[in-house]
N, C-alpha and C. Protein backbone atom coordinates (compact mmCIF):
# COMPACT_ATOMS: atom_id res chain seq x y z
N MET A 1 1.08 -1.26 -0.40
CA MET A 1 -0.07 0.39 -0.03
C MET A 1 0.85 0.94 0.30
N ILE A 2 0.32 2.14 -0.90
CA ILE A 2 1.29 3.89 -0.75
C ILE A 2 0.86 4.87 0.36
N THR A 3 1.86 4.91 1.30
CA THR A 3 1.35 6.24 1.89
C THR A 3 1.68 7.23 1.77
N SER A 4 1.24 7.97 2.02
CA SER A 4 1.37 9.67 1.96
C SER A 4 1.80 10.37 2.57
N LYS A 5 3.11 10.81 2.82
CA LYS A 5 4.29 11.64 3.52
C LYS A 5 3.95 13.16 3.05
N THR A 6 4.22 13.66 4.31
CA THR A 6 4.18 15.14 4.60
C THR A 6 5.78 15.44 3.82
N VAL A 7 5.54 16.58 3.05
CA VAL A 7 6.58 17.07 2.12
C VAL A 7 7.35 18.04 3.95
N SER A 8 8.39 18.12 4.03
CA SER A 8 9.21 18.83 5.23
C SER A 8 9.17 20.74 5.28
N THR A 9 9.05 21.09 6.07
CA THR A 9 8.77 22.38 5.57
C THR A 9 9.62 23.38 4.93
N PRO A 10 11.08 23.05 5.18
CA PRO A 10 12.45 23.00 3.99
C PRO A 10 12.68 22.92 2.94
N GLY A 11 11.68 21.53 2.23
CA GLY A 11 11.69 20.98 1.27
C GLY A 11 10.58 21.64 0.57
N LEU A 12 9.68 22.01 1.02
CA LEU A 12 8.47 23.03 0.65
C LEU A 12 8.96 24.18 0.26
N ILE A 13 9.78 24.43 1.17
CA ILE A 13 10.29 26.32 0.61
C ILE A 13 11.03 26.07 -0.04
N ILE A 14 12.09 25.19 -0.67
CA ILE A 14 12.85 24.87 -1.58
C ILE A 14 11.74 24.52 -2.86
N ILE A 15 10.81 23.57 -2.81
CA ILE A 15 10.41 23.30 -4.25
C ILE A 15 9.40 24.84 -4.57
N ARG A 16 9.12 25.55 -3.49
CA ARG A 16 8.33 26.84 -3.95
C ARG A 16 9.33 27.75 -4.47
N ILE A 17 10.15 27.78 -4.13
CA ILE A 17 11.27 29.11 -4.67
C ILE A 17 11.94 28.67 -5.85
N ALA A 18 12.03 27.41 -6.14
CA ALA A 18 12.26 26.95 -7.36
C ALA A 18 11.18 26.79 -8.61
N LEU A 19 10.12 26.47 -8.27
CA LEU A 19 9.23 26.76 -8.93
C LEU A 19 8.69 28.40 -9.38
N GLY A 20 8.74 29.09 -8.38
CA GLY A 20 8.64 30.52 -8.67
C GLY A 20 9.76 30.79 -9.86
N PHE A 21 11.01 30.70 -9.24
CA PHE A 21 11.47 31.42 -10.20
C PHE A 21 11.67 30.70 -11.31
N PHE A 22 11.47 29.25 -11.60
CA PHE A 22 11.04 28.79 -12.77
C PHE A 22 9.77 29.49 -14.15
N PHE A 23 9.20 29.63 -13.13
CA PHE A 23 7.89 30.03 -13.46
C PHE A 23 7.88 31.63 -14.19
N LEU A 24 8.91 31.93 -13.35
CA LEU A 24 9.19 33.94 -13.71
C LEU A 24 10.14 33.87 -14.59
N VAL A 25 11.07 33.25 -14.77
CA VAL A 25 12.69 33.07 -16.38
C VAL A 25 11.46 32.53 -17.47
N SER A 26 10.73 31.72 -17.04
CA SER A 26 10.08 31.16 -18.25
C SER A 26 9.04 32.10 -18.84
N GLY A 27 8.31 32.77 -17.96
CA GLY A 27 7.09 33.76 -18.35
C GLY A 27 8.29 34.95 -19.44
N ILE A 28 9.26 35.62 -18.35
CA ILE A 28 9.94 36.27 -19.34
C ILE A 28 11.03 35.74 -20.48
N SER A 29 11.01 34.76 -20.21
CA SER A 29 11.63 34.16 -22.07
C SER A 29 10.66 33.39 -23.02
N THR A 30 9.41 33.64 -22.76
CA THR A 30 8.26 33.37 -23.34
C THR A 30 7.67 34.83 -24.02
N LEU A 31 7.78 35.89 -22.91
CA LEU A 31 7.66 37.20 -23.48
C LEU A 31 8.56 37.48 -24.67
N GLN A 32 9.44 37.36 -24.26
CA GLN A 32 10.63 37.89 -25.00
C GLN A 32 10.48 37.09 -26.71
N GLY A 33 9.79 36.21 -26.90
CA GLY A 33 9.71 35.37 -28.13
C GLY A 33 11.04 34.09 -28.00
N GLY A 34 11.79 33.90 -26.83
CA GLY A 34 12.62 32.77 -26.69
C GLY A 34 13.04 31.91 -27.64
N THR A 35 13.80 31.70 -28.88
CA THR A 35 14.00 30.86 -29.61
C THR A 35 13.93 29.42 -28.95
N GLY A 36 14.73 29.24 -27.32
CA GLY A 36 14.82 28.36 -26.68
C GLY A 36 13.56 27.84 -25.93
N ASP A 37 12.89 28.47 -25.94
CA ASP A 37 11.23 28.62 -25.07
C ASP A 37 10.87 27.46 -26.04
N GLU A 38 10.48 25.93 -25.28
CA GLU A 38 9.34 24.79 -25.66
C GLU A 38 8.34 25.25 -26.20
N ALA A 39 7.33 25.93 -24.94
CA ALA A 39 6.14 26.40 -25.49
C ALA A 39 6.28 27.47 -26.64
N THR A 40 6.82 28.03 -27.15
CA THR A 40 6.65 28.98 -27.77
C THR A 40 6.84 28.35 -29.54
N ALA A 41 7.69 27.74 -29.42
CA ALA A 41 8.26 26.82 -30.52
C ALA A 41 7.07 25.92 -30.52
N ALA A 42 6.40 25.42 -29.45
CA ALA A 42 5.58 24.37 -29.95
C ALA A 42 4.09 24.94 -30.30
N ILE A 43 3.93 26.34 -30.00
CA ILE A 43 2.70 27.27 -30.72
C ILE A 43 2.55 27.57 -31.79
N ARG A 44 4.03 27.91 -31.96
CA ARG A 44 4.50 28.45 -33.61
C ARG A 44 3.97 27.51 -34.62
N HIS A 45 4.61 26.19 -33.50
CA HIS A 45 4.73 24.77 -34.90
C HIS A 45 2.80 24.28 -35.21
N LEU A 46 2.40 25.12 -34.20
CA LEU A 46 0.89 24.71 -34.46
C LEU A 46 -0.22 25.50 -35.13
N VAL A 47 -0.18 26.73 -34.84
CA VAL A 47 -0.84 27.95 -35.46
C VAL A 47 0.18 29.11 -35.86
N ASN A 48 -0.11 29.44 -36.88
CA ASN A 48 0.57 30.61 -37.57
C ASN A 48 -0.24 31.93 -37.08
N GLY A 49 0.61 33.07 -37.37
CA GLY A 49 -0.18 34.85 -37.36
C GLY A 49 -0.54 34.97 -36.21
N ASP A 50 -0.99 35.74 -35.95
CA ASP A 50 -1.65 36.75 -34.69
C ASP A 50 -1.91 36.01 -33.74
N LEU A 51 -2.79 34.58 -34.10
CA LEU A 51 -2.98 34.01 -32.77
C LEU A 51 -2.08 33.13 -32.41
N SER A 52 -1.24 32.84 -32.77
CA SER A 52 0.15 32.41 -32.59
C SER A 52 1.18 33.44 -31.49
N HIS A 53 0.86 34.60 -31.72
CA HIS A 53 1.47 35.78 -31.09
C HIS A 53 1.08 36.08 -29.85
N ILE A 54 -0.51 35.59 -29.86
CA ILE A 54 -1.47 36.20 -28.99
C ILE A 54 -1.61 35.31 -27.66
N LEU A 55 -1.51 33.82 -28.24
CA LEU A 55 -1.15 32.69 -27.41
C LEU A 55 0.05 32.66 -26.65
N CYS A 56 0.99 32.74 -27.17
CA CYS A 56 2.43 32.90 -26.98
C CYS A 56 2.80 33.89 -25.86
N VAL A 57 1.93 35.07 -26.05
CA VAL A 57 2.17 36.31 -24.71
C VAL A 57 1.29 35.66 -23.65
N VAL A 58 -0.25 35.18 -24.02
CA VAL A 58 -0.88 34.78 -22.79
C VAL A 58 0.12 33.34 -21.90
N PHE A 59 0.29 32.44 -22.66
CA PHE A 59 1.60 31.70 -22.08
C PHE A 59 2.19 32.56 -21.04
N GLY A 60 3.24 33.14 -21.77
CA GLY A 60 4.14 33.97 -20.61
C GLY A 60 3.26 34.56 -19.73
N LEU A 61 2.37 35.56 -20.17
CA LEU A 61 1.74 36.49 -18.82
C LEU A 61 1.58 35.43 -18.03
N VAL A 62 1.01 34.31 -17.81
CA VAL A 62 0.60 33.13 -17.03
C VAL A 62 1.93 32.63 -16.21
N GLU A 63 2.55 32.32 -16.75
CA GLU A 63 4.08 31.80 -16.47
C GLU A 63 4.51 32.98 -15.55
N LEU A 64 4.27 34.14 -16.24
CA LEU A 64 4.98 35.85 -15.42
C LEU A 64 4.49 35.65 -14.18
N LEU A 65 2.93 35.48 -13.83
CA LEU A 65 2.22 36.00 -13.22
C LEU A 65 2.28 34.88 -11.95
N ALA A 66 2.32 33.25 -12.53
CA ALA A 66 2.40 32.42 -11.35
C ALA A 66 3.74 32.36 -10.32
N GLY A 67 4.76 32.76 -11.45
CA GLY A 67 6.06 33.49 -10.44
C GLY A 67 6.03 34.01 -9.83
N ILE A 68 5.79 34.85 -10.04
CA ILE A 68 5.44 36.43 -8.83
C ILE A 68 5.10 36.09 -7.74
N LEU A 69 3.51 35.49 -8.15
CA LEU A 69 2.48 35.47 -6.87
C LEU A 69 3.02 34.01 -6.27
N LEU A 70 3.89 33.29 -6.71
CA LEU A 70 4.45 32.21 -5.58
C LEU A 70 5.55 32.59 -4.80
N LEU A 71 6.51 33.50 -5.40
CA LEU A 71 7.15 33.99 -4.75
C LEU A 71 7.15 35.27 -3.92
N LEU A 72 5.80 35.84 -4.15
CA LEU A 72 5.24 36.95 -3.10
C LEU A 72 4.63 36.60 -1.81
N LYS A 73 3.89 35.03 -2.27
CA LYS A 73 3.51 34.60 -0.99
C LYS A 73 4.47 34.33 0.03
N PHE A 74 5.58 34.27 -0.04
CA PHE A 74 6.38 34.75 1.44
C PHE A 74 6.32 35.62 2.34
N PHE A 75 5.94 36.50 1.24
CA PHE A 75 5.48 37.96 2.50
C PHE A 75 4.28 38.45 2.55
N LEU A 76 3.42 37.73 1.95
CA LEU A 76 1.86 37.80 1.82
C LEU A 76 0.57 36.72 2.17
N ASP A 77 -0.04 37.54 3.35
CA ASP A 77 -1.25 36.44 3.53
C ASP A 77 -1.99 36.22 2.60
N THR A 78 -2.29 35.43 1.49
CA THR A 78 -2.82 35.48 0.73
C THR A 78 -4.06 34.44 1.15
N SER A 79 -5.51 34.46 0.85
CA SER A 79 -6.66 33.78 1.17
C SER A 79 -6.42 32.73 0.29
N SER A 80 -7.35 31.62 0.79
CA SER A 80 -7.36 30.47 0.26
C SER A 80 -8.15 29.97 -0.84
N LEU A 81 -9.12 31.11 -1.37
CA LEU A 81 -9.68 30.94 -2.40
C LEU A 81 -8.62 31.54 -3.42
N LEU A 82 -7.87 32.67 -3.30
CA LEU A 82 -6.63 32.63 -3.98
C LEU A 82 -5.98 31.55 -4.39
N ASP A 83 -5.91 31.02 -3.61
CA ASP A 83 -4.98 29.90 -4.12
C ASP A 83 -5.21 28.72 -4.67
N THR A 84 -6.38 28.40 -4.83
CA THR A 84 -7.17 28.03 -5.23
C THR A 84 -7.18 27.97 -6.57
N ILE A 85 -7.41 29.30 -6.85
CA ILE A 85 -8.03 29.43 -8.20
C ILE A 85 -6.59 29.87 -8.99
N LEU A 86 -5.72 30.14 -8.53
CA LEU A 86 -4.34 30.37 -8.96
C LEU A 86 -3.54 28.92 -9.51
N MET A 87 -4.25 27.61 -8.37
CA MET A 87 -3.81 26.78 -8.36
C MET A 87 -4.26 25.73 -9.52
N VAL A 88 -5.97 25.96 -9.98
CA VAL A 88 -6.62 25.73 -11.24
C VAL A 88 -5.72 25.81 -12.47
N ILE A 89 -5.54 27.29 -12.27
CA ILE A 89 -4.86 28.26 -13.98
C ILE A 89 -3.81 27.67 -14.39
N ILE A 90 -3.27 27.67 -13.12
CA ILE A 90 -1.60 26.94 -13.64
C ILE A 90 -1.57 25.78 -13.63
N THR A 91 -2.42 24.96 -13.09
CA THR A 91 -2.26 23.48 -13.42
C THR A 91 -2.58 23.61 -14.72
N VAL A 92 -3.98 24.10 -15.20
CA VAL A 92 -4.84 23.87 -16.49
C VAL A 92 -3.45 24.28 -17.46
N VAL A 93 -2.94 25.78 -17.62
CA VAL A 93 -1.83 25.74 -18.36
C VAL A 93 -0.89 25.00 -18.37
N TRP A 94 -0.08 24.65 -17.53
CA TRP A 94 0.81 23.43 -17.72
C TRP A 94 0.38 22.39 -18.66
N ILE A 95 -0.66 21.87 -17.86
CA ILE A 95 -0.94 21.00 -18.72
C ILE A 95 -1.23 20.87 -19.97
N ILE A 96 -1.64 22.47 -20.51
CA ILE A 96 -1.79 22.00 -21.74
C ILE A 96 -0.58 22.53 -22.54
N ALA A 97 0.52 22.97 -22.05
CA ALA A 97 2.01 23.18 -21.71
C ALA A 97 2.60 21.67 -22.50
N ILE A 98 2.28 20.49 -21.87
CA ILE A 98 2.57 19.57 -21.74
C ILE A 98 1.93 18.58 -23.01
N ILE A 99 0.67 19.04 -23.71
CA ILE A 99 0.03 18.70 -24.95
C ILE A 99 0.38 18.87 -25.58
N LEU A 100 0.82 20.82 -25.97
CA LEU A 100 1.42 21.32 -27.07
C LEU A 100 3.04 20.61 -27.72
N ILE A 101 3.75 20.79 -25.95
CA ILE A 101 5.08 20.82 -26.30
C ILE A 101 5.35 18.68 -26.55
N ASP A 102 4.99 18.42 -25.16
CA ASP A 102 5.00 16.65 -25.71
C ASP A 102 4.79 15.40 -26.20
N ILE A 103 3.30 16.32 -27.02
CA ILE A 103 2.26 15.41 -27.59
C ILE A 103 2.30 15.92 -29.13
N LEU A 104 1.76 17.29 -29.46
CA LEU A 104 1.39 17.57 -30.44
C LEU A 104 2.87 18.50 -31.03
N GLY A 105 3.63 19.01 -30.48
CA GLY A 105 4.76 19.84 -30.90
C GLY A 105 6.04 19.41 -31.44
N HIS A 106 7.01 19.91 -32.17
CA HIS A 106 7.20 19.42 -33.35
C HIS A 106 8.49 18.40 -32.78
N GLY A 107 9.01 18.39 -31.77
CA GLY A 107 9.71 17.19 -31.06
C GLY A 107 8.91 15.84 -30.09
N GLY A 108 7.45 16.06 -30.39
CA GLY A 108 6.77 15.46 -29.86
C GLY A 108 6.19 14.46 -29.68
N LEU A 109 5.15 13.38 -28.79
CA LEU A 109 5.19 12.06 -29.43
C LEU A 109 4.57 11.86 -31.12
N MET A 110 3.88 13.19 -31.49
CA MET A 110 2.66 12.84 -32.82
C MET A 110 3.74 12.93 -33.63
N ASN A 111 5.01 13.37 -33.65
CA ASN A 111 6.17 13.89 -34.71
C ASN A 111 7.20 13.16 -33.94
N GLY A 112 6.99 12.27 -33.82
CA GLY A 112 8.12 10.79 -33.75
C GLY A 112 9.19 11.38 -33.07
N PHE A 113 9.04 12.28 -31.98
CA PHE A 113 9.90 12.84 -30.51
C PHE A 113 10.73 13.22 -31.10
N GLY A 114 10.93 13.54 -32.52
CA GLY A 114 12.41 14.57 -32.34
C GLY A 114 13.39 13.96 -33.35
N GLY A 115 12.88 12.79 -33.33
CA GLY A 115 14.10 11.85 -33.87
C GLY A 115 15.23 11.41 -32.28
N ASN A 116 14.42 11.24 -31.46
CA ASN A 116 15.80 11.72 -30.33
C ASN A 116 14.78 10.75 -29.16
N LEU A 117 14.30 9.75 -28.55
CA LEU A 117 13.45 9.05 -27.82
C LEU A 117 14.04 9.52 -26.33
N LEU A 118 15.58 9.34 -26.11
CA LEU A 118 15.75 9.53 -24.93
C LEU A 118 15.62 11.18 -24.68
N SER A 119 16.14 12.06 -25.48
CA SER A 119 16.07 13.71 -25.44
C SER A 119 14.66 13.72 -25.07
N TYR A 120 13.88 13.07 -25.50
CA TYR A 120 12.48 13.05 -25.54
C TYR A 120 11.64 13.04 -23.85
N LEU A 121 12.14 11.81 -23.56
CA LEU A 121 11.60 10.96 -22.43
C LEU A 121 12.50 12.13 -21.10
N LYS A 122 13.42 12.69 -21.48
CA LYS A 122 14.11 13.46 -20.37
C LYS A 122 12.92 14.73 -20.52
N ILE A 123 12.68 15.60 -21.84
CA ILE A 123 11.93 16.38 -21.53
C ILE A 123 10.68 16.41 -20.76
N VAL A 124 9.93 15.46 -21.02
CA VAL A 124 8.73 14.55 -20.91
C VAL A 124 8.98 14.78 -19.30
N SER A 125 9.83 13.93 -18.41
CA SER A 125 9.74 13.78 -17.06
C SER A 125 10.01 15.16 -16.79
N GLY A 126 10.97 15.94 -16.85
CA GLY A 126 11.18 17.46 -16.70
C GLY A 126 9.44 18.36 -16.30
N HIS A 127 8.78 18.01 -17.73
CA HIS A 127 7.41 18.02 -17.34
C HIS A 127 6.38 17.99 -16.31
N LEU A 128 7.01 16.81 -15.95
CA LEU A 128 5.97 16.33 -15.16
C LEU A 128 6.62 16.74 -13.79
N LEU A 129 8.01 16.75 -14.00
CA LEU A 129 8.53 17.39 -12.12
C LEU A 129 7.96 18.48 -11.80
N VAL A 130 7.57 19.50 -12.92
CA VAL A 130 7.15 20.89 -12.56
C VAL A 130 5.55 20.63 -12.28
N LEU A 131 4.64 19.94 -12.87
CA LEU A 131 3.49 19.48 -12.70
C LEU A 131 3.23 18.87 -11.25
N GLY A 132 4.26 17.83 -10.81
CA GLY A 132 4.52 17.41 -9.70
C GLY A 132 4.65 18.71 -8.60
N SER A 133 5.17 19.21 -8.58
CA SER A 133 5.87 20.46 -7.72
C SER A 133 4.70 21.28 -7.82
N ILE A 134 3.63 21.85 -8.49
CA ILE A 134 2.80 22.25 -8.87
C ILE A 134 1.75 21.59 -7.41
N PHE A 135 1.53 20.69 -7.62
CA PHE A 135 0.48 19.70 -6.88
C PHE A 135 1.20 20.08 -5.44
N ILE A 136 2.45 19.57 -5.13
CA ILE A 136 2.95 19.66 -3.85
C ILE A 136 3.19 20.99 -3.66
N VAL A 137 3.22 22.24 -4.24
CA VAL A 137 3.11 23.76 -3.97
C VAL A 137 1.31 23.46 -2.84
N TYR A 138 0.50 23.35 -3.95
CA TYR A 138 -0.79 23.96 -3.69
C TYR A 138 -1.56 22.69 -2.80
N CYS A 139 -0.95 21.92 -2.48
CA CYS A 139 -2.08 20.59 -2.36
C CYS A 139 -1.59 20.53 -0.73
């Protein structure tokens, strides 16, 4: 039987800081149209034109705001309703990113893993680590 273990306070703090900085930096990179940003590349692979630009800006803003709010949470007492809304938004956006990048994107499942299965599995595992961290921080 699998039992759940409470995450230690120092561990939770480290995960919250790491996740906050990850989203902050990723959001800035996405908003700048960073060429190394997987989400931007996946969106541009699937959608062209103005819609592509709008989706990249929305995705980047959600990441940026999530990072800022995660880091501000150390200094502000937020309501549980705000936490719940934020968790739902971040989780939905990250799941959409996983679908766009890991399944539909240029190097995704539907496009032959970009020719390198091991590299693909490394990227997918990283995305799942972020998703798991979201649940640890908010649950």
